[in-house]
Amino acid sequence: MKYPENIKEISTLNPDYLGFIFWKKSSRNMNLETIPEIPNSIKKVGVFVNASIQDIISKVNQYQLEIVQLHGNESVNYCRNVKKLGVEVIKVFSIGDKFDFTTIKEYVLFVDYFLFDTKGKLPGGNGITFDWKIVENYPYEKPFFLSGGIGKTEVDAIKDFFKTDAAKKCIAIDVNSRFETKPAYKSEIKLRKFKKLLYENEI
């Protein structure tokens, strides 16, 4: 998110999180001086790619971020240092045709959540999904976000996924490019419909 009127509009849908990208190479790069006031129930997530700790400190203070999402090649020690800033930490890992979850074991103690995205040309926002069956091999108790090209056409697949044991540790669905009318500008109508479809028929 980066457009004030759109931030306010989407916040009326009461998402758990709103993301703000702080990576200058991104077409969604956040360039506002402040974030418009949003409900306290919505956590502000700052997304960074191989940023300096000082840059993260600056952005956390400027925008009152509650969560830092690390979308680059950040080390375990880097995550440990970010955690010391008093924010929650999401570490992103990109998944291709397969993924060895033992490679992320050392991160478990120093992050609050993992986020699994689709491996692509960019660090994120590639607009394609990966095979969620890969997550059936996820062995840790640490909760995770599911991301990567999720749109309205994935509603039935999401519902099926949440019936599996693999989904018990999935606490959030991350949506982005499939709901945009232009980079960082989300369609309130499309998101509202997605939310309605996703939760209809629930008891």
Protein backbone atom coordinates (compact mmCIF):
# COMPACT_ATOMS: atom_id res chain seq x y z
CA MET A 1 0.00 0.00 0.00
CA LYS A 2 1.15 3.55 -0.65
CA TYR A 3 -1.82 5.70 -1.69
CA PRO A 4 -3.51 7.49 1.25
CA GLU A 5 -7.09 7.21 -0.02
CA ASN A 6 -6.57 3.54 -0.90
CA ILE A 7 -5.07 2.78 2.52
CA LYS A 8 -8.14 4.25 4.20
CA GLU A 9 -10.49 2.44 1.81
CA ILE A 10 -8.91 -1.00 2.26
CA SER A 11 -8.69 -0.57 6.02
CA THR A 12 -12.51 -0.59 6.12
CA LEU A 13 -12.29 -4.29 5.18
CA ASN A 14 -10.55 -4.90 8.52
CA PRO A 15 -7.57 -6.95 7.33
CA ASP A 16 -5.26 -8.22 10.05
CA TYR A 17 -2.26 -6.62 8.33
CA LEU A 18 -1.42 -3.92 5.81
CA GLY A 19 1.96 -4.09 4.08
CA PHE A 20 4.23 -1.21 3.10
CA ILE A 21 7.22 -1.95 0.86
CA PHE A 22 10.51 -0.18 1.55
CA TRP A 23 12.56 -1.38 -1.40
CA LYS A 24 13.42 1.35 -3.87
CA LYS A 25 13.50 -0.99 -6.86
CA SER A 26 9.85 -1.91 -6.32
CA SER A 27 7.04 -0.16 -8.20
CA ARG A 28 5.19 -0.36 -4.87
CA ASN A 29 7.93 1.44 -2.93
CA MET A 30 6.44 3.45 -0.07
CA ASN A 31 7.17 7.17 -0.36
CA LEU A 32 4.64 8.83 1.95
CA GLU A 33 5.93 10.84 4.91
CA THR A 34 3.32 9.24 7.17
CA ILE A 35 0.74 6.47 7.00
CA PRO A 36 -2.87 7.65 7.31
CA GLU A 37 -4.58 6.69 10.55
CA ILE A 38 -5.97 3.15 10.44
CA PRO A 39 -7.74 1.04 13.10
CA ASN A 40 -5.49 -0.23 15.90
CA SER A 41 -6.58 -3.78 15.09
CA ILE A 42 -4.65 -3.61 11.79
CA LYS A 43 -0.92 -4.23 12.15
CA LYS A 44 1.44 -2.24 9.95
CA VAL A 45 4.03 -4.41 8.22
CA GLY A 46 7.18 -2.95 6.71
CA VAL A 47 8.66 -5.06 3.91
CA PHE A 48 12.45 -4.86 3.45
CA VAL A 49 14.95 -6.50 1.08
CA ASN A 50 18.52 -6.75 2.40
CA ALA A 51 18.19 -3.36 4.12
CA SER A 52 20.58 -2.01 6.73
CA ILE A 53 19.51 -2.35 10.36
CA GLN A 54 19.70 1.44 10.64
CA ASP A 55 17.27 1.84 7.75
CA ILE A 56 14.84 -0.54 9.43
CA ILE A 57 15.13 1.35 12.72
CA SER A 58 14.44 4.61 10.89
CA LYS A 59 11.36 3.27 9.10
CA VAL A 60 9.99 1.53 12.21
CA ASN A 61 10.16 4.83 14.09
CA GLN A 62 8.88 7.00 11.25
CA TYR A 63 5.87 4.83 10.38
CA GLN A 64 5.27 3.14 13.75
CA LEU A 65 5.65 -0.29 12.19
CA GLU A 66 4.72 -3.27 14.34
CA ILE A 67 6.08 -6.00 12.08
CA VAL A 68 9.16 -6.20 9.88
CA GLN A 69 8.99 -8.58 6.91
CA LEU A 70 12.38 -9.64 5.56
CA HIS A 71 12.21 -10.53 1.88
CA GLY A 72 15.88 -10.83 0.99
CA ASN A 73 18.85 -13.03 1.93
CA GLU A 74 18.91 -11.97 5.57
CA SER A 75 20.94 -14.19 7.90
CA VAL A 76 19.86 -15.75 11.18
CA ASN A 77 21.95 -13.22 13.11
CA TYR A 78 20.36 -10.38 11.13
CA CYS A 79 16.90 -11.63 12.14
CA ARG A 80 18.07 -11.83 15.74
CA ASN A 81 19.14 -8.17 15.61
CA VAL A 82 15.87 -7.04 14.05
CA LYS A 83 13.94 -8.93 16.73
CA LYS A 84 15.80 -6.89 19.36
CA LEU A 85 14.12 -3.76 17.98
CA GLY A 86 10.89 -4.77 19.69
CA VAL A 87 8.98 -5.66 16.53
CA GLU A 88 7.61 -8.94 15.27
CA VAL A 89 9.64 -10.52 12.47
CA ILE A 90 8.40 -12.32 9.36
CA LYS A 91 11.10 -14.10 7.36
CA VAL A 92 10.20 -14.88 3.77
CA PHE A 93 11.37 -17.93 1.86
CA SER A 94 10.63 -18.49 -1.81
CA ILE A 95 9.48 -21.93 -2.88
CA GLY A 96 9.98 -23.51 -6.29
CA ASP A 97 9.20 -27.04 -7.41
CA LYS A 98 10.49 -28.33 -4.07
CA PHE A 99 11.88 -26.96 -0.81
CA ASP A 100 14.09 -28.35 1.95
CA PHE A 101 12.61 -27.05 5.21
CA THR A 102 15.67 -28.14 7.20
CA THR A 103 17.50 -25.17 5.65
CA ILE A 104 15.40 -22.74 7.71
CA LYS A 105 15.60 -24.54 11.06
CA GLU A 106 18.09 -22.05 12.56
CA TYR A 107 15.66 -19.18 11.94
CA VAL A 108 12.90 -20.65 14.09
CA LEU A 109 14.08 -19.09 17.35
CA PHE A 110 14.57 -15.61 15.91
CA VAL A 111 11.41 -14.96 13.90
CA ASP A 112 7.73 -14.80 14.81
CA TYR A 113 6.45 -16.10 11.49
CA PHE A 114 7.64 -17.52 8.21
CA LEU A 115 6.09 -16.47 4.91
CA PHE A 116 6.21 -18.85 1.98
CA ASP A 117 6.09 -17.16 -1.41
CA THR A 118 6.57 -18.32 -4.99
CA LYS A 119 10.10 -18.33 -6.33
CA GLY A 120 10.31 -15.89 -9.25
CA LYS A 121 12.35 -13.15 -10.89
CA LEU A 122 11.48 -10.60 -8.19
CA PRO A 123 11.71 -10.93 -4.38
CA GLY A 124 7.89 -10.86 -4.36
CA GLY A 125 4.81 -9.81 -6.30
CA ASN A 126 5.36 -12.27 -9.13
CA GLY A 127 1.66 -13.11 -9.32
CA ILE A 128 1.98 -16.90 -9.47
CA THR A 129 1.26 -19.64 -6.95
CA PHE A 130 3.43 -22.56 -5.90
CA ASP A 131 2.29 -26.11 -5.18
CA TRP A 132 0.91 -25.89 -1.64
CA LYS A 133 1.37 -29.64 -1.17
CA ILE A 134 5.02 -28.81 -0.52
CA VAL A 135 3.95 -27.24 2.78
CA GLU A 136 2.77 -30.68 3.95
CA ASN A 137 6.45 -31.31 4.73
CA TYR A 138 6.72 -28.24 7.00
CA PRO A 139 7.96 -29.69 10.33
CA TYR A 140 7.99 -26.74 12.76
CA GLU A 141 5.48 -25.25 15.19
CA LYS A 142 6.28 -21.71 14.06
CA PRO A 143 3.18 -20.24 12.33
CA PHE A 144 3.43 -19.14 8.72
CA PHE A 145 1.76 -16.94 6.09
CA LEU A 146 0.83 -18.37 2.70
CA SER A 147 1.62 -16.08 -0.23
CA GLY A 148 2.26 -16.04 -3.96
CA GLY A 149 -0.20 -15.06 -6.67
CA ILE A 150 -3.34 -15.67 -4.60
CA GLY A 151 -6.52 -14.32 -6.17
CA LYS A 152 -10.26 -14.99 -6.48
CA THR A 153 -9.63 -18.10 -8.60
CA GLU A 154 -7.80 -19.69 -5.64
CA VAL A 155 -10.76 -19.49 -3.21
CA ASP A 156 -11.76 -23.16 -3.56
CA ALA A 157 -8.12 -24.26 -3.34
CA ILE A 158 -7.66 -22.20 -0.16
CA LYS A 159 -10.74 -23.78 1.40
CA ASP A 160 -9.43 -27.23 0.52
CA PHE A 161 -5.99 -26.32 1.87
CA PHE A 162 -7.45 -25.26 5.21
CA LYS A 163 -8.96 -28.71 5.63
CA THR A 164 -5.48 -30.27 5.63
CA ASP A 165 -3.12 -30.83 8.56
CA ALA A 166 -0.53 -28.66 6.80
CA ALA A 167 -2.80 -25.64 7.20
CA LYS A 168 -3.01 -25.85 11.00
CA LYS A 169 0.08 -23.63 11.31
CA CYS A 170 -1.01 -21.21 8.57
CA ILE A 171 -2.35 -18.08 10.24
CA ALA A 172 -2.72 -15.73 7.27
CA ILE A 173 -3.28 -15.53 3.54
CA ASP A 174 -1.15 -12.82 1.93
CA VAL A 175 -2.68 -11.18 -1.16
CA ASN A 176 -1.17 -8.53 -3.37
CA SER A 177 -0.77 -8.23 -7.14
CA ARG A 178 -3.90 -10.12 -8.18
CA PHE A 179 -6.05 -7.41 -6.56
CA GLU A 180 -4.31 -4.37 -8.01
CA THR A 181 -5.55 -1.89 -10.57
CA LYS A 182 -2.00 -0.49 -10.66
CA PRO A 183 1.09 -1.24 -8.53
CA ALA A 184 0.24 -0.76 -4.81
CA TYR A 185 -3.37 0.32 -5.55
CA LYS A 186 -5.79 -2.37 -4.41
CA SER A 187 -9.36 -2.82 -5.63
CA GLU A 188 -11.69 -2.59 -2.65
CA ILE A 189 -14.46 -4.24 -4.68
CA LYS A 190 -12.30 -7.25 -5.65
CA LEU A 191 -10.98 -7.69 -2.11
CA ARG A 192 -14.44 -7.42 -0.56
CA LYS A 193 -15.73 -10.07 -2.97
CA PHE A 194 -12.72 -12.30 -2.26
CA LYS A 195 -13.31 -12.02 1.48
CA LYS A 196 -17.00 -12.83 1.07
CA LEU A 197 -16.28 -15.88 -1.10
CA LEU A 198 -13.56 -17.08 1.25
CA TYR A 199 -15.73 -16.97 4.37
CA GLU A 200 -19.14 -17.88 2.98
CA ASN A 201 -20.66 -21.15 4.20
CA GLU A 202 -18.53 -21.04 7.35
CA ILE A 203 -20.24 -22.08 10.59
